[in-house]
Amino acid sequence: MGELFNLDSPLMRVLGRLAELMILNVVALLCALPVVTLGASAVGLYTAVQNLVNDEGHPVRDFLRGFRQNFWRATLLWVIFLASGVLLAFGLVFYAGMEGALFSILFGVTMLAAVLWLFLFSWSFPLLARFQNSSGATLSNALVCSVAYLPRSVGMAALNFLPVLLLLCRLDLFLYASVLWILVWFALAAYLNIRLLQKPYARMDDADYHQRQ
């Protein structure tokens, strides 16, 4: 029993990692509260989580470093995603309420564009945290990766947008899980995403994705 609570035991390591993720989740949410800083907060979160996966660094310090160093590029990406996301949402609502073959086709095209938006969003911020690229190069790499690693793209998008999906479709479940969102979910999703990205990252490191313009 004593070994179970030893600091080096698997249980204590899991609990320690969970505590680190909870701290990161709260810090990331607080830094994202102004809304315009959401992109920088996401990059800071991925920067810190990447080091957690590698058992390196200090979570809060790494978060703040990633937030500060990538602030303008991450903010530009976030503004692009926010503006395009609003347009796509408007298009889906508008076309869904119309009748006729043309509007059905337009709705389908808009839905495909929305799925691509989800993939690009899911890839862009971890790529920006990992590779020192411009915003344009990050989007270009995100597009390539979204297609090349399609199953991973689906998994990442599902992790990232589960709260939004519940908010839109099952408000009761979203409210029941509200403590989970606040305490750990977004940091946990980032951690699982980074785990999914280890093999793609290794290939990108070999291909030298740094400073691609």
Protein backbone atom coordinates (compact mmCIF):
# COMPACT_ATOMS: atom_id res chain seq x y z
CA MET A 1 0.00 0.00 0.00
CA GLY A 2 2.88 2.33 0.82
CA GLU A 3 4.37 1.84 -2.64
CA LEU A 4 1.05 2.90 -4.19
CA PHE A 5 1.45 6.39 -2.77
CA ASN A 6 5.17 6.63 -3.45
CA LEU A 7 5.94 9.79 -5.46
CA ASP A 8 7.36 7.63 -8.26
CA SER A 9 4.42 5.23 -8.42
CA PRO A 10 2.23 5.17 -11.56
CA LEU A 11 -0.77 6.43 -9.57
CA MET A 12 1.07 9.44 -8.20
CA ARG A 13 2.51 10.27 -11.61
CA VAL A 14 -0.97 10.19 -13.14
CA LEU A 15 -2.37 12.37 -10.35
CA GLY A 16 0.55 14.78 -10.69
CA ARG A 17 0.01 15.05 -14.44
CA LEU A 18 -3.71 15.60 -13.92
CA ALA A 19 -2.98 18.39 -11.44
CA GLU A 20 -0.65 20.06 -13.96
CA LEU A 21 -3.33 19.84 -16.65
CA MET A 22 -5.91 21.35 -14.31
CA ILE A 23 -3.62 24.29 -13.55
CA LEU A 24 -2.97 24.80 -17.26
CA ASN A 25 -6.67 24.60 -18.07
CA VAL A 26 -7.57 27.36 -15.61
CA VAL A 27 -4.68 29.56 -16.74
CA ALA A 28 -5.58 29.08 -20.42
CA LEU A 29 -9.25 29.91 -19.81
CA LEU A 30 -8.36 33.05 -17.87
CA CYS A 31 -6.00 34.20 -20.63
CA ALA A 32 -8.67 33.52 -23.26
CA LEU A 33 -11.36 35.56 -21.48
CA PRO A 34 -10.74 38.74 -23.54
CA VAL A 35 -11.71 36.54 -26.57
CA VAL A 36 -9.18 38.28 -28.85
CA THR A 37 -6.43 36.44 -26.96
CA LEU A 38 -7.95 32.98 -27.50
CA GLY A 39 -5.48 32.09 -30.25
CA ALA A 40 -2.44 33.08 -28.19
CA SER A 41 -3.86 31.17 -25.22
CA ALA A 42 -4.27 28.04 -27.38
CA VAL A 43 -0.66 28.28 -28.59
CA GLY A 44 0.56 28.81 -25.04
CA LEU A 45 -1.41 25.75 -23.95
CA TYR A 46 0.05 23.57 -26.70
CA THR A 47 3.55 24.83 -25.93
CA ALA A 48 3.22 23.84 -22.28
CA VAL A 49 1.51 20.51 -23.00
CA GLN A 50 4.18 19.52 -25.51
CA ASN A 51 6.79 19.93 -22.78
CA LEU A 52 4.61 17.95 -20.37
CA VAL A 53 4.51 15.07 -22.86
CA ASN A 54 8.31 15.24 -23.02
CA ASP A 55 8.56 15.54 -19.20
CA GLU A 56 10.29 18.89 -19.57
CA GLY A 57 9.88 22.47 -18.41
CA HIS A 58 7.43 24.14 -16.05
CA PRO A 59 3.75 24.23 -17.14
CA VAL A 60 2.80 27.82 -16.29
CA ARG A 61 6.15 29.29 -17.31
CA ASP A 62 6.06 27.41 -20.64
CA PHE A 63 2.48 28.56 -21.22
CA LEU A 64 3.40 32.21 -20.68
CA ARG A 65 6.44 31.89 -22.93
CA GLY A 66 4.40 30.38 -25.77
CA PHE A 67 1.64 32.97 -25.25
CA ARG A 68 4.10 35.88 -25.40
CA GLN A 69 6.35 34.67 -28.22
CA ASN A 70 3.51 33.76 -30.60
CA PHE A 71 0.98 36.39 -29.61
CA TRP A 72 0.70 38.32 -32.89
CA ARG A 73 0.82 35.32 -35.23
CA ALA A 74 -1.65 33.40 -33.08
CA THR A 75 -3.97 36.42 -32.85
CA LEU A 76 -3.92 36.86 -36.63
CA LEU A 77 -4.81 33.19 -37.09
CA TRP A 78 -7.59 33.46 -34.53
CA VAL A 79 -9.08 36.54 -36.23
CA ILE A 80 -9.03 34.69 -39.57
CA PHE A 81 -10.73 31.66 -38.04
CA LEU A 82 -13.27 33.76 -36.15
CA ALA A 83 -14.29 35.79 -39.21
CA SER A 84 -14.48 32.76 -41.52
CA GLY A 85 -16.29 30.72 -38.83
CA VAL A 86 -18.97 33.38 -38.46
CA LEU A 87 -19.49 33.45 -42.23
CA LEU A 88 -19.73 29.65 -42.40
CA ALA A 89 -22.21 29.53 -39.51
CA PHE A 90 -24.34 32.19 -41.18
CA GLY A 91 -24.23 30.26 -44.47
CA LEU A 92 -25.28 27.00 -42.81
CA VAL A 93 -28.22 28.64 -41.04
CA PHE A 94 -29.26 30.55 -44.16
CA TYR A 95 -29.06 27.64 -46.61
CA ALA A 96 -30.64 25.15 -44.18
CA GLY A 97 -33.80 27.28 -44.12
CA MET A 98 -34.13 27.43 -47.92
CA GLU A 99 -35.76 24.97 -50.28
CA GLY A 100 -34.64 23.83 -53.70
CA ALA A 101 -31.81 21.85 -55.27
CA LEU A 102 -29.48 24.85 -55.56
CA PHE A 103 -29.72 25.65 -51.86
CA SER A 104 -29.20 21.97 -51.00
CA ILE A 105 -25.98 22.00 -53.02
CA LEU A 106 -24.86 25.27 -51.43
CA PHE A 107 -25.61 23.84 -47.99
CA GLY A 108 -23.54 20.74 -48.77
CA VAL A 109 -20.60 22.80 -50.02
CA THR A 110 -20.78 25.04 -46.96
CA MET A 111 -20.91 21.99 -44.69
CA LEU A 112 -17.76 20.58 -46.32
CA ALA A 113 -16.07 23.96 -45.89
CA ALA A 114 -17.10 23.93 -42.21
CA VAL A 115 -15.55 20.48 -41.71
CA LEU A 116 -12.35 21.71 -43.34
CA TRP A 117 -12.48 24.75 -41.03
CA LEU A 118 -12.63 22.42 -38.03
CA PHE A 119 -9.60 20.48 -39.28
CA LEU A 120 -7.56 23.60 -40.02
CA PHE A 121 -8.41 25.09 -36.63
CA SER A 122 -7.40 21.87 -34.88
CA TRP A 123 -4.02 21.71 -36.66
CA SER A 124 -3.00 25.37 -36.86
CA PHE A 125 -2.38 26.20 -33.20
CA PRO A 126 -0.35 23.08 -32.30
CA LEU A 127 1.69 23.59 -35.49
CA LEU A 128 2.33 27.22 -34.58
CA ALA A 129 3.41 26.15 -31.10
CA ARG A 130 5.81 23.56 -32.53
CA PHE A 131 7.26 25.28 -35.61
CA GLN A 132 8.45 28.85 -36.01
CA ASN A 133 6.48 29.72 -39.15
CA SER A 134 4.46 32.66 -40.40
CA SER A 135 0.67 32.54 -40.06
CA GLY A 136 0.32 31.89 -43.79
CA ALA A 137 2.80 29.01 -43.75
CA THR A 138 1.08 27.56 -40.69
CA LEU A 139 -2.28 27.56 -42.48
CA SER A 140 -0.70 25.98 -45.55
CA ASN A 141 0.90 23.24 -43.46
CA ALA A 142 -2.36 22.73 -41.57
CA LEU A 143 -4.20 22.18 -44.85
CA VAL A 144 -1.67 19.57 -46.00
CA CYS A 145 -1.72 17.81 -42.63
CA SER A 146 -5.52 17.83 -42.44
CA VAL A 147 -5.67 15.73 -45.60
CA ALA A 148 -2.53 13.64 -45.08
CA TYR A 149 -3.55 12.62 -41.55
CA LEU A 150 -7.33 12.53 -41.97
CA PRO A 151 -8.17 10.07 -39.15
CA ARG A 152 -6.08 12.14 -36.72
CA SER A 153 -7.79 15.29 -37.98
CA VAL A 154 -11.19 13.78 -37.18
CA GLY A 155 -10.02 12.75 -33.70
CA MET A 156 -8.54 16.17 -32.93
CA ALA A 157 -11.62 18.02 -34.14
CA ALA A 158 -13.86 15.76 -32.04
CA LEU A 159 -11.80 16.45 -28.92
CA ASN A 160 -11.64 20.19 -29.52
CA PHE A 161 -15.28 20.79 -30.37
CA LEU A 162 -17.11 18.33 -28.12
CA PRO A 163 -18.13 21.15 -25.72
CA VAL A 164 -19.42 23.25 -28.63
CA LEU A 165 -21.33 20.28 -30.06
CA LEU A 166 -22.99 19.61 -26.71
CA LEU A 167 -23.77 23.30 -26.27
CA LEU A 168 -25.58 23.34 -29.62
CA CYS A 169 -27.25 19.93 -29.43
CA ARG A 170 -27.60 18.96 -25.76
CA LEU A 171 -27.54 21.99 -23.51
CA ASP A 172 -28.43 19.86 -20.47
CA LEU A 173 -25.36 17.64 -20.93
CA PHE A 174 -23.19 20.69 -21.55
CA LEU A 175 -24.34 22.22 -18.26
CA TYR A 176 -23.88 18.96 -16.37
CA ALA A 177 -20.27 18.80 -17.61
CA SER A 178 -19.54 22.49 -17.01
CA VAL A 179 -17.19 21.71 -14.11
CA LEU A 180 -15.23 19.39 -16.41
CA TRP A 181 -14.81 22.14 -19.02
CA ILE A 182 -13.58 24.61 -16.41
CA LEU A 183 -11.27 22.30 -14.50
CA VAL A 184 -9.48 20.18 -17.09
CA TRP A 185 -11.12 19.51 -20.46
CA PHE A 186 -9.27 21.88 -22.79
CA ALA A 187 -5.84 21.07 -21.38
CA LEU A 188 -6.69 17.36 -21.48
CA ALA A 189 -7.84 17.67 -25.10
CA ALA A 190 -4.57 19.45 -25.96
CA TYR A 191 -2.63 16.69 -24.20
CA LEU A 192 -4.44 13.96 -26.16
CA ASN A 193 -3.99 15.93 -29.38
CA ILE A 194 -0.25 16.20 -28.79
CA ARG A 195 -0.18 12.43 -28.26
CA LEU A 196 -1.93 12.00 -31.62
CA LEU A 197 0.61 14.34 -33.23
CA GLN A 198 3.79 12.59 -32.13
CA LYS A 199 4.21 10.55 -35.32
CA PRO A 200 3.32 13.47 -37.67
CA TYR A 201 5.67 15.73 -35.69
CA ALA A 202 8.54 13.27 -36.16
CA ARG A 203 7.98 13.26 -39.91
CA MET A 204 7.72 17.04 -40.02
CA ASP A 205 10.94 17.39 -38.05
CA ASP A 206 12.66 15.24 -40.68
CA ALA A 207 11.13 17.38 -43.45
CA ASP A 208 12.21 20.59 -41.66
CA TYR A 209 8.96 22.52 -41.34
CA HIS A 210 10.69 25.35 -39.47
CA GLN A 211 10.74 28.76 -41.13
CA ARG A 212 8.76 27.66 -44.17
CA GLN A 213 7.33 30.79 -45.75
